[in-house]
Amino acid sequence: LRGRLKSASISPDAIYSDHAPVTVEL
């Protein structure tokens, strides 16, 4: 899937938990 990776990120400002959501787009 390496060639299909478009982006990957962490959203630390989404404060609904002690974790932050992480996102990947293919």
PDB file of all heavy atoms in Angstrom:
ATOM      1  N   LEU A   1       0.808  -1.220   0.000  1.00  0.00           N
ATOM      2  CA  LEU A   1       0.000   0.000   0.000  1.00  0.00           C
ATOM      3  C   LEU A   1       0.843   1.274   0.000  1.00  0.00           C
ATOM      4  O   LEU A   1       0.292   2.375   0.002  1.00  0.00           O
ATOM      5  CB  LEU A   1      -0.938   0.019   1.209  1.00  0.00           C
ATOM      6  CG  LEU A   1      -2.108  -0.974   1.171  1.00  0.00           C
ATOM      7  CD1 LEU A   1      -2.868  -0.959   2.489  1.00  0.00           C
ATOM      8  CD2 LEU A   1      -3.043  -0.652   0.016  1.00  0.00           C
ATOM      9  N   ARG A   2       2.151   1.146  -0.025  1.00  0.00           N
ATOM     10  CA  ARG A   2       3.006   2.338   0.046  1.00  0.00           C
ATOM     11  C   ARG A   2       2.645   3.362  -1.034  1.00  0.00           C
ATOM     12  O   ARG A   2       2.511   4.560  -0.765  1.00  0.00           O
ATOM     13  CB  ARG A   2       4.479   1.944  -0.096  1.00  0.00           C
ATOM     14  CG  ARG A   2       5.426   3.132   0.027  1.00  0.00           C
ATOM     15  CD  ARG A   2       6.861   2.749  -0.296  1.00  0.00           C
ATOM     16  NE  ARG A   2       7.418   1.822   0.665  1.00  0.00           N
ATOM     17  CZ  ARG A   2       8.002   2.208   1.809  1.00  0.00           C
ATOM     18  NH1 ARG A   2       8.066   3.499   2.124  1.00  0.00           N
ATOM     19  NH2 ARG A   2       8.505   1.305   2.623  1.00  0.00           N
ATOM     20  N   GLY A   3       2.461   2.908  -2.263  1.00  0.00           N
ATOM     21  CA  GLY A   3       2.182   3.820  -3.359  1.00  0.00           C
ATOM     22  C   GLY A   3       0.800   4.447  -3.298  1.00  0.00           C
ATOM     23  O   GLY A   3       0.526   5.403  -4.036  1.00  0.00           O
ATOM     24  N   ARG A   4      -0.062   3.935  -2.427  1.00  0.00           N
ATOM     25  CA  ARG A   4      -1.415   4.474  -2.309  1.00  0.00           C
ATOM     26  C   ARG A   4      -1.584   5.386  -1.103  1.00  0.00           C
ATOM     27  O   ARG A   4      -2.671   5.920  -0.874  1.00  0.00           O
ATOM     28  CB  ARG A   4      -2.420   3.325  -2.252  1.00  0.00           C
ATOM     29  CG  ARG A   4      -2.499   2.567  -3.573  1.00  0.00           C
ATOM     30  CD  ARG A   4      -3.267   1.261  -3.477  1.00  0.00           C
ATOM     31  NE  ARG A   4      -4.657   1.435  -3.099  1.00  0.00           N
ATOM     32  CZ  ARG A   4      -5.528   0.426  -2.999  1.00  0.00           C
ATOM     33  NH1 ARG A   4      -5.137  -0.816  -3.294  1.00  0.00           N
ATOM     34  NH2 ARG A   4      -6.773   0.646  -2.639  1.00  0.00           N
ATOM     35  N   LEU A   5      -0.512   5.576  -0.328  1.00  0.00           N
ATOM     36  CA  LEU A   5      -0.586   6.472   0.824  1.00  0.00           C
ATOM     37  C   LEU A   5      -0.664   7.925   0.358  1.00  0.00           C
ATOM     38  O   LEU A   5       0.179   8.389  -0.393  1.00  0.00           O
ATOM     39  CB  LEU A   5       0.640   6.295   1.728  1.00  0.00           C
ATOM     40  CG  LEU A   5       0.709   5.015   2.564  1.00  0.00           C
ATOM     41  CD1 LEU A   5       2.075   4.895   3.228  1.00  0.00           C
ATOM     42  CD2 LEU A   5      -0.392   5.004   3.620  1.00  0.00           C
ATOM     43  N   LYS A   6      -1.676   8.643   0.824  1.00  0.00           N
ATOM     44  CA  LYS A   6      -1.840  10.056   0.479  1.00  0.00           C
ATOM     45  C   LYS A   6      -1.452  10.965   1.635  1.00  0.00           C
ATOM     46  O   LYS A   6      -0.865  12.029   1.433  1.00  0.00           O
ATOM     47  CB  LYS A   6      -3.287  10.331   0.072  1.00  0.00           C
ATOM     48  CG  LYS A   6      -3.722   9.650  -1.214  1.00  0.00           C
ATOM     49  CD  LYS A   6      -5.175   9.919  -1.523  1.00  0.00           C
ATOM     50  CE  LYS A   6      -5.454  11.403  -1.747  1.00  0.00           C
ATOM     51  NZ  LYS A   6      -6.892  11.630  -2.061  1.00  0.00           N
ATOM     52  N   SER A   7      -1.782  10.565   2.866  1.00  0.00           N
ATOM     53  CA  SER A   7      -1.452  11.375   4.034  1.00  0.00           C
ATOM     54  C   SER A   7      -1.622  10.538   5.288  1.00  0.00           C
ATOM     55  O   SER A   7      -2.306   9.507   5.281  1.00  0.00           O
ATOM     56  CB  SER A   7      -2.349  12.621   4.121  1.00  0.00           C
ATOM     57  OG  SER A   7      -3.699  12.252   4.368  1.00  0.00           O
ATOM     58  N   ALA A   8      -0.984  10.990   6.363  1.00  0.00           N
ATOM     59  CA  ALA A   8      -1.153  10.380   7.679  1.00  0.00           C
ATOM     60  C   ALA A   8      -0.925  11.477   8.713  1.00  0.00           C
ATOM     61  O   ALA A   8       0.015  12.270   8.587  1.00  0.00           O
ATOM     62  CB  ALA A   8      -0.170   9.229   7.888  1.00  0.00           C
ATOM     63  N   SER A   9      -1.765  11.533   9.723  1.00  0.00           N
ATOM     64  CA  SER A   9      -1.687  12.644  10.663  1.00  0.00           C
ATOM     65  C   SER A   9      -2.218  12.263  12.037  1.00  0.00           C
ATOM     66  O   SER A   9      -2.906  11.253  12.203  1.00  0.00           O
ATOM     67  CB  SER A   9      -2.484  13.842  10.125  1.00  0.00           C
ATOM     68  OG  SER A   9      -3.854  13.492   9.952  1.00  0.00           O
ATOM     69  N   ILE A  10      -1.879  13.105  13.013  1.00  0.00           N
ATOM     70  CA  ILE A  10      -2.414  13.040  14.368  1.00  0.00           C
ATOM     71  C   ILE A  10      -3.151  14.351  14.617  1.00  0.00           C
ATOM     72  O   ILE A  10      -2.692  15.406  14.187  1.00  0.00           O
ATOM     73  CB  ILE A  10      -1.294  12.868  15.409  1.00  0.00           C
ATOM     74  CG1 ILE A  10      -0.503  11.579  15.160  1.00  0.00           C
ATOM     75  CG2 ILE A  10      -1.849  12.874  16.830  1.00  0.00           C
ATOM     76  CD1 ILE A  10       0.733  11.451  16.046  1.00  0.00           C
ATOM     77  N   SER A  11      -4.283  14.286  15.327  1.00  0.00           N
ATOM     78  CA  SER A  11      -5.064  15.499  15.623  1.00  0.00           C
ATOM     79  C   SER A  11      -5.083  15.740  17.127  1.00  0.00           C
ATOM     80  O   SER A  11      -6.053  15.390  17.811  1.00  0.00           O
ATOM     81  CB  SER A  11      -6.490  15.361  15.086  1.00  0.00           C
ATOM     82  OG  SER A  11      -6.488  15.135  13.697  1.00  0.00           O
ATOM     83  N   PRO A  12      -4.021  16.339  17.679  1.00  0.00           N
ATOM     84  CA  PRO A  12      -3.931  16.491  19.136  1.00  0.00           C
ATOM     85  C   PRO A  12      -4.954  17.442  19.740  1.00  0.00           C
ATOM     86  O   PRO A  12      -5.169  17.442  20.950  1.00  0.00           O
ATOM     87  CB  PRO A  12      -2.506  17.017  19.334  1.00  0.00           C
ATOM     88  CG  PRO A  12      -2.169  17.688  18.044  1.00  0.00           C
ATOM     89  CD  PRO A  12      -2.856  16.892  16.996  1.00  0.00           C
ATOM     90  N   ASP A  13      -5.589  18.262  18.909  1.00  0.00           N
ATOM     91  CA  ASP A  13      -6.562  19.225  19.431  1.00  0.00           C
ATOM     92  C   ASP A  13      -7.952  18.628  19.585  1.00  0.00           C
ATOM     93  O   ASP A  13      -8.860  19.307  20.072  1.00  0.00           O
ATOM     94  CB  ASP A  13      -6.627  20.446  18.519  1.00  0.00           C
ATOM     95  CG  ASP A  13      -5.313  21.215  18.484  1.00  0.00           C
ATOM     96  OD1 ASP A  13      -4.608  21.213  19.513  1.00  0.00           O
ATOM     97  OD2 ASP A  13      -4.984  21.785  17.431  1.00  0.00           O
ATOM     98  N   ALA A  14      -8.156  17.392  19.170  1.00  0.00           N
ATOM     99  CA  ALA A  14      -9.452  16.728  19.319  1.00  0.00           C
ATOM    100  C   ALA A  14      -9.513  16.116  20.720  1.00  0.00           C
ATOM    101  O   ALA A  14      -9.127  14.971  20.938  1.00  0.00           O
ATOM    102  CB  ALA A  14      -9.629  15.660  18.251  1.00  0.00           C
ATOM    103  N   ILE A  15      -9.972  16.883  21.685  1.00  0.00           N
ATOM    104  CA  ILE A  15      -9.874  16.493  23.092  1.00  0.00           C
ATOM    105  C   ILE A  15     -11.176  15.842  23.550  1.00  0.00           C
ATOM    106  O   ILE A  15     -12.028  16.472  24.189  1.00  0.00           O
ATOM    107  CB  ILE A  15      -9.511  17.713  23.980  1.00  0.00           C
ATOM    108  CG1 ILE A  15      -8.253  18.393  23.444  1.00  0.00           C
ATOM    109  CG2 ILE A  15      -9.279  17.272  25.417  1.00  0.00           C
ATOM    110  CD1 ILE A  15      -7.862  19.640  24.200  1.00  0.00           C
ATOM    111  N   TYR A  16     -11.354  14.585  23.204  1.00  0.00           N
ATOM    112  CA  TYR A  16     -12.505  13.814  23.649  1.00  0.00           C
ATOM    113  C   TYR A  16     -12.064  12.603  24.459  1.00  0.00           C
ATOM    114  O   TYR A  16     -12.904  11.821  24.905  1.00  0.00           O
ATOM    115  CB  TYR A  16     -13.336  13.358  22.435  1.00  0.00           C
ATOM    116  CG  TYR A  16     -13.658  14.500  21.513  1.00  0.00           C
ATOM    117  CD1 TYR A  16     -12.936  14.699  20.337  1.00  0.00           C
ATOM    118  CD2 TYR A  16     -14.635  15.428  21.844  1.00  0.00           C
ATOM    119  CE1 TYR A  16     -13.200  15.777  19.505  1.00  0.00           C
ATOM    120  CE2 TYR A  16     -14.905  16.517  21.019  1.00  0.00           C
ATOM    121  CZ  TYR A  16     -14.190  16.678  19.849  1.00  0.00           C
ATOM    122  OH  TYR A  16     -14.440  17.755  19.041  1.00  0.00           O
ATOM    123  N   SER A  17     -10.767  12.462  24.624  1.00  0.00           N
ATOM    124  CA  SER A  17     -10.177  11.305  25.285  1.00  0.00           C
ATOM    125  C   SER A  17      -8.785  11.707  25.745  1.00  0.00           C
ATOM    126  O   SER A  17      -8.322  12.816  25.466  1.00  0.00           O
ATOM    127  CB  SER A  17     -10.103  10.143  24.282  1.00  0.00           C
ATOM    128  OG  SER A  17      -9.312   9.074  24.748  1.00  0.00           O
ATOM    129  N   ASP A  18      -8.100  10.806  26.457  1.00  0.00           N
ATOM    130  CA  ASP A  18      -6.695  11.051  26.776  1.00  0.00           C
ATOM    131  C   ASP A  18      -5.792  10.742  25.586  1.00  0.00           C
ATOM    132  O   ASP A  18      -4.603  11.027  25.609  1.00  0.00           O
ATOM    133  CB  ASP A  18      -6.253  10.274  28.014  1.00  0.00           C
ATOM    134  CG  ASP A  18      -6.531   8.774  27.921  1.00  0.00           C
ATOM    135  OD1 ASP A  18      -7.362   8.365  27.082  1.00  0.00           O
ATOM    136  OD2 ASP A  18      -5.941   8.009  28.710  1.00  0.00           O
ATOM    137  N   HIS A  19      -6.362  10.151  24.527  1.00  0.00           N
ATOM    138  CA  HIS A  19      -5.669   9.910  23.270  1.00  0.00           C
ATOM    139  C   HIS A  19      -6.081  10.963  22.246  1.00  0.00           C
ATOM    140  O   HIS A  19      -7.074  11.677  22.425  1.00  0.00           O
ATOM    141  CB  HIS A  19      -6.028   8.533  22.709  1.00  0.00           C
ATOM    142  CG  HIS A  19      -5.463   7.387  23.480  1.00  0.00           C
ATOM    143  ND1 HIS A  19      -4.448   6.580  23.007  1.00  0.00           N
ATOM    144  CD2 HIS A  19      -5.780   6.892  24.702  1.00  0.00           C
ATOM    145  CE1 HIS A  19      -4.164   5.651  23.884  1.00  0.00           C
ATOM    146  NE2 HIS A  19      -4.962   5.810  24.929  1.00  0.00           N
ATOM    147  N   ALA A  20      -5.338  11.023  21.152  1.00  0.00           N
ATOM    148  CA  ALA A  20      -5.712  11.822  19.989  1.00  0.00           C
ATOM    149  C   ALA A  20      -6.047  10.873  18.847  1.00  0.00           C
ATOM    150  O   ALA A  20      -5.462   9.800  18.735  1.00  0.00           O
ATOM    151  CB  ALA A  20      -4.580  12.750  19.579  1.00  0.00           C
ATOM    152  N   PRO A  21      -6.977  11.264  17.982  1.00  0.00           N
ATOM    153  CA  PRO A  21      -7.259  10.432  16.811  1.00  0.00           C
ATOM    154  C   PRO A  21      -6.120  10.483  15.813  1.00  0.00           C
ATOM    155  O   PRO A  21      -5.453  11.504  15.673  1.00  0.00           O
ATOM    156  CB  PRO A  21      -8.542  11.059  16.239  1.00  0.00           C
ATOM    157  CG  PRO A  21      -8.498  12.484  16.700  1.00  0.00           C
ATOM    158  CD  PRO A  21      -7.824  12.458  18.029  1.00  0.00           C
ATOM    159  N   VAL A  22      -5.902   9.377  15.098  1.00  0.00           N
ATOM    160  CA  VAL A  22      -4.899   9.316  14.035  1.00  0.00           C
ATOM    161  C   VAL A  22      -5.604   8.947  12.734  1.00  0.00           C
ATOM    162  O   VAL A  22      -6.550   8.154  12.729  1.00  0.00           O
ATOM    163  CB  VAL A  22      -3.781   8.303  14.377  1.00  0.00           C
ATOM    164  CG1 VAL A  22      -2.987   8.774  15.588  1.00  0.00           C
ATOM    165  CG2 VAL A  22      -4.329   6.906  14.630  1.00  0.00           C
ATOM    166  N   THR A  23      -5.147   9.556  11.656  1.00  0.00           N
ATOM    167  CA  THR A  23      -5.817   9.421  10.366  1.00  0.00           C
ATOM    168  C   THR A  23      -4.843   8.990   9.291  1.00  0.00           C
ATOM    169  O   THR A  23      -3.689   9.441   9.253  1.00  0.00           O
ATOM    170  CB  THR A  23      -6.437  10.777   9.946  1.00  0.00           C
ATOM    171  OG1 THR A  23      -7.334  11.220  10.963  1.00  0.00           O
ATOM    172  CG2 THR A  23      -7.190  10.656   8.624  1.00  0.00           C
ATOM    173  N   VAL A  24      -5.297   8.129   8.394  1.00  0.00           N
ATOM    174  CA  VAL A  24      -4.548   7.797   7.207  1.00  0.00           C
ATOM    175  C   VAL A  24      -5.505   7.892   6.007  1.00  0.00           C
ATOM    176  O   VAL A  24      -6.694   7.567   6.138  1.00  0.00           O
ATOM    177  CB  VAL A  24      -3.906   6.392   7.282  1.00  0.00           C
ATOM    178  CG1 VAL A  24      -4.946   5.287   7.223  1.00  0.00           C
ATOM    179  CG2 VAL A  24      -2.872   6.187   6.189  1.00  0.00           C
ATOM    180  N   GLU A  25      -4.989   8.358   4.878  1.00  0.00           N
ATOM    181  CA  GLU A  25      -5.773   8.409   3.658  1.00  0.00           C
ATOM    182  C   GLU A  25      -5.072   7.633   2.552  1.00  0.00           C
ATOM    183  O   GLU A  25      -3.864   7.793   2.343  1.00  0.00           O
ATOM    184  CB  GLU A  25      -5.995   9.851   3.218  1.00  0.00           C
ATOM    185  CG  GLU A  25      -6.927  10.625   4.142  1.00  0.00           C
ATOM    186  CD  GLU A  25      -7.369  11.944   3.549  1.00  0.00           C
ATOM    187  OE1 GLU A  25      -8.135  11.927   2.551  1.00  0.00           O
ATOM    188  OE2 GLU A  25      -6.957  12.988   4.064  1.00  0.00           O
ATOM    189  N   LEU A  26      -5.833   6.793   1.866  1.00  0.00           N
ATOM    190  CA  LEU A  26      -5.330   5.981   0.766  1.00  0.00           C
ATOM    191  C   LEU A  26      -6.037   6.375  -0.524  1.00  0.00           C
ATOM    192  O   LEU A  26      -7.212   6.722  -0.508  1.00  0.00           O
ATOM    193  CB  LEU A  26      -5.594   4.498   1.011  1.00  0.00           C
ATOM    194  CG  LEU A  26      -5.060   3.863   2.303  1.00  0.00           C
ATOM    195  CD1 LEU A  26      -5.600   2.439   2.418  1.00  0.00           C
ATOM    196  CD2 LEU A  26      -3.547   3.873   2.330  1.00  0.00           C
TER     197      LEU A  26
END
